Amino acid sequence: GERYLVAVSLLFSIYLTKPSPFCLMDEVDAPLDDANVMRFIRLLEEFKHSTQFIVITHNPRTMQAAEAAYGVTMQEPGVSTIVGVRLGELERV
């Protein structure tokens, strides 16, 4: 988990020198323990003002830090439906 966090940190250090407006991450938090997931979330918080992140995750802690969540469900065989929720709006309800 720690080596993986170092690799993600290297990615973020590249963003410091050459920012990108968009970043897609697929389950980057999967090998991390809870403490390192929190460090990863802090990195996302730090960079979210200059970069839009789309993070594919199954980790509840990472989901809680998101501003929006999207899911794909299959209510009938062969037909996928996308469901989206702005999490900030849920807190106000």
PDB file of N, CA and C in Angstrom:
ATOM      1  N   GLY A   1       0.803  -1.201   0.000  1.00  0.00           N
ATOM      2  CA  GLY A   1       0.000   0.000   0.000  1.00  0.00           C
ATOM      3  C   GLY A   1       0.845   1.264   0.000  1.00  0.00           C
ATOM      4  N   GLU A   2       1.937   1.247   0.780  1.00  0.00           N
ATOM      5  CA  GLU A   2       2.764   2.451   0.866  1.00  0.00           C
ATOM      6  C   GLU A   2       3.502   2.713  -0.443  1.00  0.00           C
ATOM      7  N   ARG A   3       3.972   1.662  -1.114  1.00  0.00           N
ATOM      8  CA  ARG A   3       4.637   1.859  -2.414  1.00  0.00           C
ATOM      9  C   ARG A   3       3.650   2.422  -3.431  1.00  0.00           C
ATOM     10  N   TYR A   4       2.423   1.962  -3.350  1.00  0.00           N
ATOM     11  CA  TYR A   4       1.394   2.458  -4.253  1.00  0.00           C
ATOM     12  C   TYR A   4       1.112   3.933  -3.983  1.00  0.00           C
ATOM     13  N   LEU A   5       1.089   4.309  -2.704  1.00  0.00           N
ATOM     14  CA  LEU A   5       0.876   5.712  -2.348  1.00  0.00           C
ATOM     15  C   LEU A   5       2.027   6.574  -2.854  1.00  0.00           C
ATOM     16  N   VAL A   6       3.240   6.045  -2.834  1.00  0.00           N
ATOM     17  CA  VAL A   6       4.390   6.774  -3.383  1.00  0.00           C
ATOM     18  C   VAL A   6       4.189   7.000  -4.881  1.00  0.00           C
ATOM     19  N   ALA A   7       3.689   5.991  -5.591  1.00  0.00           N
ATOM     20  CA  ALA A   7       3.441   6.137  -7.031  1.00  0.00           C
ATOM     21  C   ALA A   7       2.381   7.202  -7.295  1.00  0.00           C
ATOM     22  N   VAL A   8       1.323   7.206  -6.504  1.00  0.00           N
ATOM     23  CA  VAL A   8       0.277   8.224  -6.654  1.00  0.00           C
ATOM     24  C   VAL A   8       0.838   9.599  -6.307  1.00  0.00           C
ATOM     25  N   SER A   9       1.677   9.669  -5.293  1.00  0.00           N
ATOM     26  CA  SER A   9       2.310  10.941  -4.923  1.00  0.00           C
ATOM     27  C   SER A   9       3.193  11.459  -6.051  1.00  0.00           C
ATOM     28  N   LEU A  10       3.873  10.555  -6.739  1.00  0.00           N
ATOM     29  CA  LEU A  10       4.680  10.957  -7.896  1.00  0.00           C
ATOM     30  C   LEU A  10       3.792  11.567  -8.980  1.00  0.00           C
ATOM     31  N   LEU A  11       2.640  10.955  -9.210  1.00  0.00           N
ATOM     32  CA  LEU A  11       1.688  11.506 -10.172  1.00  0.00           C
ATOM     33  C   LEU A  11       1.278  12.925  -9.776  1.00  0.00           C
ATOM     34  N   PHE A  12       0.980  13.123  -8.499  1.00  0.00           N
ATOM     35  CA  PHE A  12       0.581  14.453  -8.035  1.00  0.00           C
ATOM     36  C   PHE A  12       1.737  15.443  -8.120  1.00  0.00           C
ATOM     37  N   SER A  13       2.958  14.988  -7.914  1.00  0.00           N
ATOM     38  CA  SER A  13       4.101  15.902  -8.041  1.00  0.00           C
ATOM     39  C   SER A  13       4.277  16.342  -9.493  1.00  0.00           C
ATOM     40  N   ILE A  14       3.956  15.471 -10.432  1.00  0.00           N
ATOM     41  CA  ILE A  14       3.974  15.861 -11.845  1.00  0.00           C
ATOM     42  C   ILE A  14       2.910  16.925 -12.100  1.00  0.00           C
ATOM     43  N   TYR A  15       1.754  16.782 -11.462  1.00  0.00           N
ATOM     44  CA  TYR A  15       0.690  17.781 -11.601  1.00  0.00           C
ATOM     45  C   TYR A  15       1.119  19.143 -11.062  1.00  0.00           C
ATOM     46  N   LEU A  16       2.018  19.158 -10.090  1.00  0.00           N
ATOM     47  CA  LEU A  16       2.520  20.436  -9.573  1.00  0.00           C
ATOM     48  C   LEU A  16       3.316  21.189 -10.631  1.00  0.00           C
ATOM     49  N   THR A  17       4.080  20.468 -11.440  1.00  0.00           N
ATOM     50  CA  THR A  17       4.913  21.119 -12.452  1.00  0.00           C
ATOM     51  C   THR A  17       4.195  21.281 -13.784  1.00  0.00           C
ATOM     52  N   LYS A  18       3.290  20.365 -14.098  1.00  0.00           N
ATOM     53  CA  LYS A  18       2.550  20.432 -15.359  1.00  0.00           C
ATOM     54  C   LYS A  18       1.091  20.053 -15.086  1.00  0.00           C
ATOM     55  N   PRO A  19       0.305  21.023 -14.616  1.00  0.00           N
ATOM     56  CA  PRO A  19      -1.085  20.730 -14.257  1.00  0.00           C
ATOM     57  C   PRO A  19      -1.921  20.287 -15.462  1.00  0.00           C
ATOM     58  N   SER A  20      -2.891  19.465 -15.176  1.00  0.00           N
ATOM     59  CA  SER A  20      -3.842  19.013 -16.186  1.00  0.00           C
ATOM     60  C   SER A  20      -5.244  19.340 -15.685  1.00  0.00           C
ATOM     61  N   PRO A  21      -6.155  19.711 -16.572  1.00  0.00           N
ATOM     62  CA  PRO A  21      -7.503  20.048 -16.109  1.00  0.00           C
ATOM     63  C   PRO A  21      -8.345  18.826 -15.742  1.00  0.00           C
ATOM     64  N   PHE A  22      -7.855  17.618 -16.071  1.00  0.00           N
ATOM     65  CA  PHE A  22      -8.673  16.424 -15.928  1.00  0.00           C
ATOM     66  C   PHE A  22      -7.800  15.223 -15.569  1.00  0.00           C
ATOM     67  N   CYS A  23      -8.291  14.363 -14.680  1.00  0.00           N
ATOM     68  CA  CYS A  23      -7.553  13.156 -14.306  1.00  0.00           C
ATOM     69  C   CYS A  23      -8.546  12.034 -14.014  1.00  0.00           C
ATOM     70  N   LEU A  24      -8.338  10.877 -14.617  1.00  0.00           N
ATOM     71  CA  LEU A  24      -9.164   9.700 -14.398  1.00  0.00           C
ATOM     72  C   LEU A  24      -8.341   8.663 -13.648  1.00  0.00           C
ATOM     73  N   MET A  25      -8.864   8.195 -12.517  1.00  0.00           N
ATOM     74  CA  MET A  25      -8.160   7.202 -11.701  1.00  0.00           C
ATOM     75  C   MET A  25      -9.079   6.007 -11.477  1.00  0.00           C
ATOM     76  N   ASP A  26      -8.576   4.826 -11.753  1.00  0.00           N
ATOM     77  CA  ASP A  26      -9.362   3.607 -11.632  1.00  0.00           C
ATOM     78  C   ASP A  26      -8.886   2.790 -10.438  1.00  0.00           C
ATOM     79  N   GLU A  27      -9.645   2.817  -9.362  1.00  0.00           N
ATOM     80  CA  GLU A  27      -9.398   2.053  -8.141  1.00  0.00           C
ATOM     81  C   GLU A  27      -7.985   2.234  -7.596  1.00  0.00           C
ATOM     82  N   VAL A  28      -7.475   3.462  -7.634  1.00  0.00           N
ATOM     83  CA  VAL A  28      -6.127   3.718  -7.119  1.00  0.00           C
ATOM     84  C   VAL A  28      -6.056   3.532  -5.607  1.00  0.00           C
ATOM     85  N   ASP A  29      -7.199   3.598  -4.932  1.00  0.00           N
ATOM     86  CA  ASP A  29      -7.211   3.455  -3.483  1.00  0.00           C
ATOM     87  C   ASP A  29      -7.382   2.006  -3.021  1.00  0.00           C
ATOM     88  N   ALA A  30      -7.557   1.071  -3.938  1.00  0.00           N
ATOM     89  CA  ALA A  30      -7.824  -0.329  -3.577  1.00  0.00           C
ATOM     90  C   ALA A  30      -6.735  -0.958  -2.708  1.00  0.00           C
ATOM     91  N   PRO A  31      -5.441  -0.770  -3.002  1.00  0.00           N
ATOM     92  CA  PRO A  31      -4.420  -1.422  -2.176  1.00  0.00           C
ATOM     93  C   PRO A  31      -4.070  -0.653  -0.899  1.00  0.00           C
ATOM     94  N   LEU A  32      -4.730   0.464  -0.640  1.00  0.00           N
ATOM     95  CA  LEU A  32      -4.358   1.309   0.496  1.00  0.00           C
ATOM     96  C   LEU A  32      -5.145   0.948   1.749  1.00  0.00           C
ATOM     97  N   ASP A  33      -4.492   1.045   2.907  1.00  0.00           N
ATOM     98  CA  ASP A  33      -5.199   0.888   4.174  1.00  0.00           C
ATOM     99  C   ASP A  33      -5.918   2.202   4.490  1.00  0.00           C
ATOM    100  N   ASP A  34      -6.699   2.215   5.580  1.00  0.00           N
ATOM    101  CA  ASP A  34      -7.516   3.391   5.906  1.00  0.00           C
ATOM    102  C   ASP A  34      -6.691   4.659   6.092  1.00  0.00           C
ATOM    103  N   ALA A  35      -5.546   4.548   6.748  1.00  0.00           N
ATOM    104  CA  ALA A  35      -4.713   5.736   6.985  1.00  0.00           C
ATOM    105  C   ALA A  35      -4.212   6.316   5.663  1.00  0.00           C
ATOM    106  N   ASN A  36      -3.795   5.446   4.747  1.00  0.00           N
ATOM    107  CA  ASN A  36      -3.299   5.927   3.461  1.00  0.00           C
ATOM    108  C   ASN A  36      -4.426   6.382   2.539  1.00  0.00           C
ATOM    109  N   VAL A  37      -5.613   5.813   2.695  1.00  0.00           N
ATOM    110  CA  VAL A  37      -6.771   6.322   1.947  1.00  0.00           C
ATOM    111  C   VAL A  37      -7.040   7.762   2.361  1.00  0.00           C
ATOM    112  N   MET A  38      -6.931   8.044   3.651  1.00  0.00           N
ATOM    113  CA  MET A  38      -7.146   9.423   4.117  1.00  0.00           C
ATOM    114  C   MET A  38      -6.075  10.357   3.545  1.00  0.00           C
ATOM    115  N   ARG A  39      -4.848   9.905   3.437  1.00  0.00           N
ATOM    116  CA  ARG A  39      -3.790  10.720   2.818  1.00  0.00           C
ATOM    117  C   ARG A  39      -4.106  10.967   1.340  1.00  0.00           C
ATOM    118  N   PHE A  40      -4.576   9.941   0.662  1.00  0.00           N
ATOM    119  CA  PHE A  40      -4.959  10.069  -0.741  1.00  0.00           C
ATOM    120  C   PHE A  40      -6.093  11.086  -0.896  1.00  0.00           C
ATOM    121  N   ILE A  41      -7.081  11.013  -0.025  1.00  0.00           N
ATOM    122  CA  ILE A  41      -8.203  11.957  -0.075  1.00  0.00           C
ATOM    123  C   ILE A  41      -7.712  13.384   0.150  1.00  0.00           C
ATOM    124  N   ARG A  42      -6.773  13.568   1.063  1.00  0.00           N
ATOM    125  CA  ARG A  42      -6.216  14.916   1.293  1.00  0.00           C
ATOM    126  C   ARG A  42      -5.511  15.433   0.041  1.00  0.00           C
ATOM    127  N   LEU A  43      -4.819  14.550  -0.679  1.00  0.00           N
ATOM    128  CA  LEU A  43      -4.192  14.960  -1.939  1.00  0.00           C
ATOM    129  C   LEU A  43      -5.248  15.397  -2.953  1.00  0.00           C
ATOM    130  N   LEU A  44      -6.330  14.639  -3.054  1.00  0.00           N
ATOM    131  CA  LEU A  44      -7.406  15.025  -3.966  1.00  0.00           C
ATOM    132  C   LEU A  44      -7.982  16.384  -3.587  1.00  0.00           C
ATOM    133  N   GLU A  45      -8.208  16.593  -2.296  1.00  0.00           N
ATOM    134  CA  GLU A  45      -8.744  17.874  -1.819  1.00  0.00           C
ATOM    135  C   GLU A  45      -7.815  19.023  -2.181  1.00  0.00           C
ATOM    136  N   GLU A  46      -6.531  18.792  -2.068  1.00  0.00           N
ATOM    137  CA  GLU A  46      -5.539  19.827  -2.342  1.00  0.00           C
ATOM    138  C   GLU A  46      -5.511  20.218  -3.822  1.00  0.00           C
ATOM    139  N   PHE A  47      -5.745  19.258  -4.704  1.00  0.00           N
ATOM    140  CA  PHE A  47      -5.628  19.499  -6.137  1.00  0.00           C
ATOM    141  C   PHE A  47      -6.966  19.740  -6.833  1.00  0.00           C
ATOM    142  N   LYS A  48      -8.080  19.586  -6.138  1.00  0.00           N
ATOM    143  CA  LYS A  48      -9.374  19.634  -6.818  1.00  0.00           C
ATOM    144  C   LYS A  48      -9.724  21.009  -7.384  1.00  0.00           C
ATOM    145  N   HIS A  49      -9.047  22.054  -6.932  1.00  0.00           N
ATOM    146  CA  HIS A  49      -9.348  23.392  -7.438  1.00  0.00           C
ATOM    147  C   HIS A  49      -8.745  23.632  -8.815  1.00  0.00           C
ATOM    148  N   SER A  50      -7.742  22.862  -9.188  1.00  0.00           N
ATOM    149  CA  SER A  50      -7.108  23.047 -10.496  1.00  0.00           C
ATOM    150  C   SER A  50      -7.324  21.862 -11.437  1.00  0.00           C
ATOM    151  N   THR A  51      -7.770  20.735 -10.904  1.00  0.00           N
ATOM    152  CA  THR A  51      -7.942  19.527 -11.712  1.00  0.00           C
ATOM    153  C   THR A  51      -9.260  18.856 -11.352  1.00  0.00           C
ATOM    154  N   GLN A  52     -10.001  18.432 -12.363  1.00  0.00           N
ATOM    155  CA  GLN A  52     -11.222  17.673 -12.135  1.00  0.00           C
ATOM    156  C   GLN A  52     -10.853  16.194 -12.092  1.00  0.00           C
ATOM    157  N   PHE A  53     -11.222  15.520 -11.010  1.00  0.00           N
ATOM    158  CA  PHE A  53     -10.898  14.108 -10.844  1.00  0.00           C
ATOM    159  C   PHE A  53     -12.136  13.247 -11.014  1.00  0.00           C
ATOM    160  N   ILE A  54     -11.984  12.180 -11.764  1.00  0.00           N
ATOM    161  CA  ILE A  54     -12.976  11.115 -11.806  1.00  0.00           C
ATOM    162  C   ILE A  54     -12.275   9.896 -11.230  1.00  0.00           C
ATOM    163  N   VAL A  55     -12.786   9.426 -10.103  1.00  0.00           N
ATOM    164  CA  VAL A  55     -12.153   8.319  -9.393  1.00  0.00           C
ATOM    165  C   VAL A  55     -13.133   7.153  -9.354  1.00  0.00           C
ATOM    166  N   ILE A  56     -12.742   6.042  -9.925  1.00  0.00           N
ATOM    167  CA  ILE A  56     -13.530   4.821  -9.842  1.00  0.00           C
ATOM    168  C   ILE A  56     -13.082   4.112  -8.573  1.00  0.00           C
ATOM    169  N   THR A  57     -14.036   3.827  -7.682  1.00  0.00           N
ATOM    170  CA  THR A  57     -13.675   3.267  -6.380  1.00  0.00           C
ATOM    171  C   THR A  57     -14.793   2.395  -5.829  1.00  0.00           C
ATOM    172  N   HIS A  58     -14.412   1.502  -4.936  1.00  0.00           N
ATOM    173  CA  HIS A  58     -15.362   0.725  -4.142  1.00  0.00           C
ATOM    174  C   HIS A  58     -15.179   1.053  -2.663  1.00  0.00           C
ATOM    175  N   ASN A  59     -14.297   2.000  -2.368  1.00  0.00           N
ATOM    176  CA  ASN A  59     -13.960   2.341  -0.992  1.00  0.00           C
ATOM    177  C   ASN A  59     -14.952   3.375  -0.448  1.00  0.00           C
ATOM    178  N   PRO A  60     -15.683   3.042   0.615  1.00  0.00           N
ATOM    179  CA  PRO A  60     -16.665   3.977   1.168  1.00  0.00           C
ATOM    180  C   PRO A  60     -16.056   5.310   1.620  1.00  0.00           C
ATOM    181  N   ARG A  61     -14.840   5.293   2.151  1.00  0.00           N
ATOM    182  CA  ARG A  61     -14.216   6.549   2.595  1.00  0.00           C
ATOM    183  C   ARG A  61     -13.949   7.481   1.416  1.00  0.00           C
ATOM    184  N   THR A  62     -13.499   6.928   0.314  1.00  0.00           N
ATOM    185  CA  THR A  62     -13.261   7.739  -0.872  1.00  0.00           C
ATOM    186  C   THR A  62     -14.584   8.275  -1.413  1.00  0.00           C
ATOM    187  N   MET A  63     -15.618   7.458  -1.391  1.00  0.00           N
ATOM    188  CA  MET A  63     -16.938   7.906  -1.851  1.00  0.00           C
ATOM    189  C   MET A  63     -17.463   9.054  -0.997  1.00  0.00           C
ATOM    190  N   GLN A  64     -17.236   8.990   0.316  1.00  0.00           N
ATOM    191  CA  GLN A  64     -17.705  10.050   1.214  1.00  0.00           C
ATOM    192  C   GLN A  64     -17.040  11.382   0.919  1.00  0.00           C
ATOM    193  N   ALA A  65     -15.832  11.365   0.387  1.00  0.00           N
ATOM    194  CA  ALA A  65     -15.109  12.600   0.091  1.00  0.00           C
ATOM    195  C   ALA A  65     -15.536  13.213  -1.239  1.00  0.00           C
ATOM    196  N   ALA A  66     -16.309  12.481  -2.028  1.00  0.00           N
ATOM    197  CA  ALA A  66     -16.691  12.946  -3.365  1.00  0.00           C
ATOM    198  C   ALA A  66     -17.767  14.023  -3.298  1.00  0.00           C
ATOM    199  N   GLU A  67     -17.778  14.877  -4.320  1.00  0.00           N
ATOM    200  CA  GLU A  67     -18.830  15.878  -4.458  1.00  0.00           C
ATOM    201  C   GLU A  67     -20.024  15.309  -5.220  1.00  0.00           C
ATOM    202  N   ALA A  68     -19.778  14.315  -6.064  1.00  0.00           N
ATOM    203  CA  ALA A  68     -20.834  13.660  -6.833  1.00  0.00           C
ATOM    204  C   ALA A  68     -20.479  12.186  -6.973  1.00  0.00           C
ATOM    205  N   ALA A  69     -21.512  11.357  -7.075  1.00  0.00           N
ATOM    206  CA  ALA A  69     -21.300   9.920  -7.255  1.00  0.00           C
ATOM    207  C   ALA A  69     -22.172   9.435  -8.409  1.00  0.00           C
ATOM    208  N   TYR A  70     -21.601   8.561  -9.208  1.00  0.00           N
ATOM    209  CA  TYR A  70     -22.326   7.969 -10.329  1.00  0.00           C
ATOM    210  C   TYR A  70     -22.225   6.461 -10.210  1.00  0.00           C
ATOM    211  N   GLY A  71     -23.309   5.800 -10.486  1.00  0.00           N
ATOM    212  CA  GLY A  71     -23.322   4.349 -10.445  1.00  0.00           C
ATOM    213  C   GLY A  71     -23.969   3.801 -11.703  1.00  0.00           C
ATOM    214  N   VAL A  72     -23.649   2.574 -12.012  1.00  0.00           N
ATOM    215  CA  VAL A  72     -24.253   1.895 -13.158  1.00  0.00           C
ATOM    216  C   VAL A  72     -24.995   0.686 -12.616  1.00  0.00           C
ATOM    217  N   THR A  73     -26.258   0.575 -12.972  1.00  0.00           N
ATOM    218  CA  THR A  73     -27.072  -0.530 -12.509  1.00  0.00           C
ATOM    219  C   THR A  73     -27.720  -1.215 -13.711  1.00  0.00           C
ATOM    220  N   MET A  74     -28.079  -2.467 -13.542  1.00  0.00           N
ATOM    221  CA  MET A  74     -28.726  -3.212 -14.615  1.00  0.00           C
ATOM    222  C   MET A  74     -30.026  -3.770 -14.054  1.00  0.00           C
ATOM    223  N   GLN A  75     -31.137  -3.060 -14.312  1.00  0.00           N
ATOM    224  CA  GLN A  75     -32.427  -3.484 -13.782  1.00  0.00           C
ATOM    225  C   GLN A  75     -33.047  -4.605 -14.608  1.00  0.00           C
ATOM    226  N   GLU A  76     -32.669  -4.662 -15.876  1.00  0.00           N
ATOM    227  CA  GLU A  76     -33.086  -5.783 -16.717  1.00  0.00           C
ATOM    228  C   GLU A  76     -31.876  -6.243 -17.519  1.00  0.00           C
ATOM    229  N   PRO A  77     -31.793  -7.507 -17.838  1.00  0.00           N
ATOM    230  CA  PRO A  77     -30.604  -8.037 -18.516  1.00  0.00           C
ATOM    231  C   PRO A  77     -30.264  -7.275 -19.805  1.00  0.00           C
ATOM    232  N   GLY A  78     -29.006  -6.866 -19.905  1.00  0.00           N
ATOM    233  CA  GLY A  78     -28.518  -6.206 -21.107  1.00  0.00           C
ATOM    234  C   GLY A  78     -28.797  -4.719 -21.198  1.00  0.00           C
ATOM    235  N   VAL A  79     -29.467  -4.137 -20.198  1.00  0.00           N
ATOM    236  CA  VAL A  79     -29.791  -2.707 -20.229  1.00  0.00           C
ATOM    237  C   VAL A  79     -29.176  -2.035 -19.010  1.00  0.00           C
ATOM    238  N   SER A  80     -28.146  -1.228 -19.235  1.00  0.00           N
ATOM    239  CA  SER A  80     -27.481  -0.511 -18.143  1.00  0.00           C
ATOM    240  C   SER A  80     -28.105   0.866 -17.966  1.00  0.00           C
ATOM    241  N   THR A  81     -28.216   1.286 -16.728  1.00  0.00           N
ATOM    242  CA  THR A  81     -28.743   2.604 -16.402  1.00  0.00           C
ATOM    243  C   THR A  81     -27.732   3.321 -15.524  1.00  0.00           C
ATOM    244  N   ILE A  82     -27.465   4.584 -15.838  1.00  0.00           N
ATOM    245  CA  ILE A  82     -26.538   5.390 -15.041  1.00  0.00           C
ATOM    246  C   ILE A  82     -27.343   6.225 -14.052  1.00  0.00           C
ATOM    247  N   VAL A  83     -26.913   6.193 -12.797  1.00  0.00           N
ATOM    248  CA  VAL A  83     -27.557   6.953 -11.734  1.00  0.00           C
ATOM    249  C   VAL A  83     -26.529   7.916 -11.165  1.00  0.00           C
ATOM    250  N   GLY A  84     -26.886   9.187 -11.042  1.00  0.00           N
ATOM    251  CA  GLY A  84     -25.963  10.181 -10.499  1.00  0.00           C
ATOM    252  C   GLY A  84     -26.574  10.934  -9.336  1.00  0.00           C
ATOM    253  N   VAL A  85     -25.739  11.266  -8.356  1.00  0.00           N
ATOM    254  CA  VAL A  85     -26.181  12.004  -7.174  1.00  0.00           C
ATOM    255  C   VAL A  85     -25.117  13.030  -6.821  1.00  0.00           C
ATOM    256  N   ARG A  86     -25.528  14.283  -6.618  1.00  0.00           N
ATOM    257  CA  ARG A  86     -24.619  15.304  -6.093  1.00  0.00           C
ATOM    258  C   ARG A  86     -24.689  15.192  -4.576  1.00  0.00           C
ATOM    259  N   LEU A  87     -23.599  14.779  -3.959  1.00  0.00           N
ATOM    260  CA  LEU A  87     -23.607  14.459  -2.532  1.00  0.00           C
ATOM    261  C   LEU A  87     -23.822  15.688  -1.665  1.00  0.00           C
ATOM    262  N   GLY A  88     -23.359  16.842  -2.065  1.00  0.00           N
ATOM    263  CA  GLY A  88     -23.586  18.067  -1.305  1.00  0.00           C
ATOM    264  C   GLY A  88     -25.058  18.393  -1.185  1.00  0.00           C
ATOM    265  N   GLU A  89     -25.841  18.071  -2.210  1.00  0.00           N
ATOM    266  CA  GLU A  89     -27.274  18.314  -2.182  1.00  0.00           C
ATOM    267  C   GLU A  89     -27.969  17.389  -1.193  1.00  0.00           C
ATOM    268  N   LEU A  90     -27.460  16.170  -1.009  1.00  0.00           N
ATOM    269  CA  LEU A  90     -28.050  15.239  -0.051  1.00  0.00           C
ATOM    270  C   LEU A  90     -27.914  15.746   1.375  1.00  0.00           C
ATOM    271  N   GLU A  91     -26.794  16.398   1.681  1.00  0.00           N
ATOM    272  CA  GLU A  91     -26.566  16.896   3.031  1.00  0.00           C
ATOM    273  C   GLU A  91     -27.553  17.994   3.399  1.00  0.00           C
ATOM    274  N   ARG A  92     -28.040  18.750   2.400  1.00  0.00           N
ATOM    275  CA  ARG A  92     -28.972  19.843   2.666  1.00  0.00           C
ATOM    276  C   ARG A  92     -30.385  19.353   2.864  1.00  0.00           C
ATOM    277  N   VAL A  93     -30.713  18.145   2.363  1.00  0.00           N
ATOM    278  CA  VAL A  93     -32.081  17.629   2.449  1.00  0.00           C
ATOM    279  C   VAL A  93     -32.382  17.155   3.838  1.00  0.00           C
TER     280      VAL A  93
END
